[in-house]
Amino acid sequence: MLVPFTVQIPLAERDKDMPDKLKAEWPALLRWMVDGCLEWQRVGLAPPKIVLNATEEYFAEQDTLQQWIDDCTEDGGEFAFTRTADLFMSWKTWSGDHNIKPGSEQTFATTLVDKGFAKSRKSSGQRGFRHLTIKRL
């Protein structure tokens, strides 16, 4: 989970003596933490929407393969077929343009399958993916 810190206290307003001021509160703070842990164990983690949104946005920014899919591919329809080698060449070009290491063709294909794309093989032995086509730019 990514917790966005949307407030920053200016240096001039920060209380440098806060740790010492909180010493008297340590027993209550420990009780609050233990109660929070017990509640978490009882009902699970229920992060607020801002945390869920920040986490989702972060992972979307890190998913470079999905960015390539969005930028460079489209659903070509029920009978469309694109060879894995052609898709991988497009991915390698896009990766180079974005200063990203493309990895291996095998890892690329496995990741496409993990994302729900259907692997296929033609009678000629060509391996590829159904429905997924490279956009004509």
Foldseek 3Di string as FASTA:
>chain_A
DDDDDPDDDDPVPDDPCVVVVCPVVVVVVVVVVVVVVVVCVVPNDDDDPVRVVVVVVVVVVVPVVVVCCVVWKFFPDQADWDFLVVVLVSQCVVCVVVVHDSDDSVVVVVVVVVVPWAWDADPVGGTTTHRMDTDDD
